[in-house]
Amino acid sequence: MLRTYHVPSPPNNGDAKAFFASLVEAVVRGVERGAIPRAQYGAVLIDEGHDFEPEWFRLVVQMIDPATNALLVLYDDAQSIYAAGTRRKFSFASVGIEARGRTTVLKLNYRNTYEVLAVARAFVNDVFGADDGDEDAPHAIAPESVGRHGPVPELARCTSLAAEAQMLAAQIADASADGRPLDRIAVLWRHGAHADAVARVLNRRGLPYRYAKDSRDKDSLFDGPPSVKLVSIHSSKGLEFEQVFIPAVHAFPGTDDDDAIEAKLLYVAMTRATERLVMTCSAETGFVARIDSAIDAAKRASA
């Protein structure tokens, strides 16, 4: 929009996050002073609305043609995995969205097996709120399984990150030998060192993989011959795989990380699995204990 309407762009000082924020602010100011016209679009769809800032919603509302007033927002607060999202407290009305009487709650989960969803839900259960009928307040609603079943997720304890990588690579090799397409297998990582360790072992075993180190690599993730996907958890949103392997779950949360954000992040990783979920750790932490408890509950429910 800045280029289209010849609005000067802010300077880029090398801080990508700050530069993006300044671009948004420049568009907002451009709309406010009439340099960028309002009501340009007959309809707007916002996916991953839980990652939107209130200011972004206010901008989008101004860009919709009042004659149609067509806005669809898809919002799942349980997947709000950025720091700003957990601090964000607002009503839809406060950003100009008329939600009352126009809200539909989609509870049925078609992606995950009952067992995968049960473990993920139990792990992060404290973020889910009751459906109190307040359509104007975004909140997390617990999903419900459609009843498709599969193996209970696994948590394997290892002696080191290197041992975790060996174990995951062996499991991936076994899955491939059983005829599972490599394209449907992913290793989701929190820190690059975890993915590097797995990549080294996959390489030694001759197992092809594609390594998405940042969001720019995501676009080419499925290019080329079938391969295991190594994807950061943040970049995995919107993706799904038959088998998901998550190394080093003991690394959640880090020293300076927010527990609630990290719990949601691991929830997102778990729910990328459509059939099988395997996690590994090489230390005991509060999150590891929570995963253990969630798996035990799923086993009892499946017995």
Foldseek 3Di string as FASTA:
>chain_A
DCVVLVPDQDDDPPPVVVSVVSRLVSVLVCPVVVSDDWQQDQAEEAEQCLQDALSVLLRVQRRHHPVRSHYHYDYAVLQRQDPVSVVDWDWQVVSPDDFPPPDDDAAEDPQAAPQLLLLLCLLQVVQADDPPVPRGTDGHHRHDYPHHHADHAAEAEDQDLLRLLVVVLVVLVVCVVVPNFQLQEEEEEADPVSVVSNVVVCVVVVFAEQEDPDLVSLVCRPPDDTHYYYYYLVNCPPAAGQEYEYEAPVPPPPPPDDNSSSSSSVSSRSSSHRHYYYYYHNDDDPSVVSSVVSSVVSVVVVD
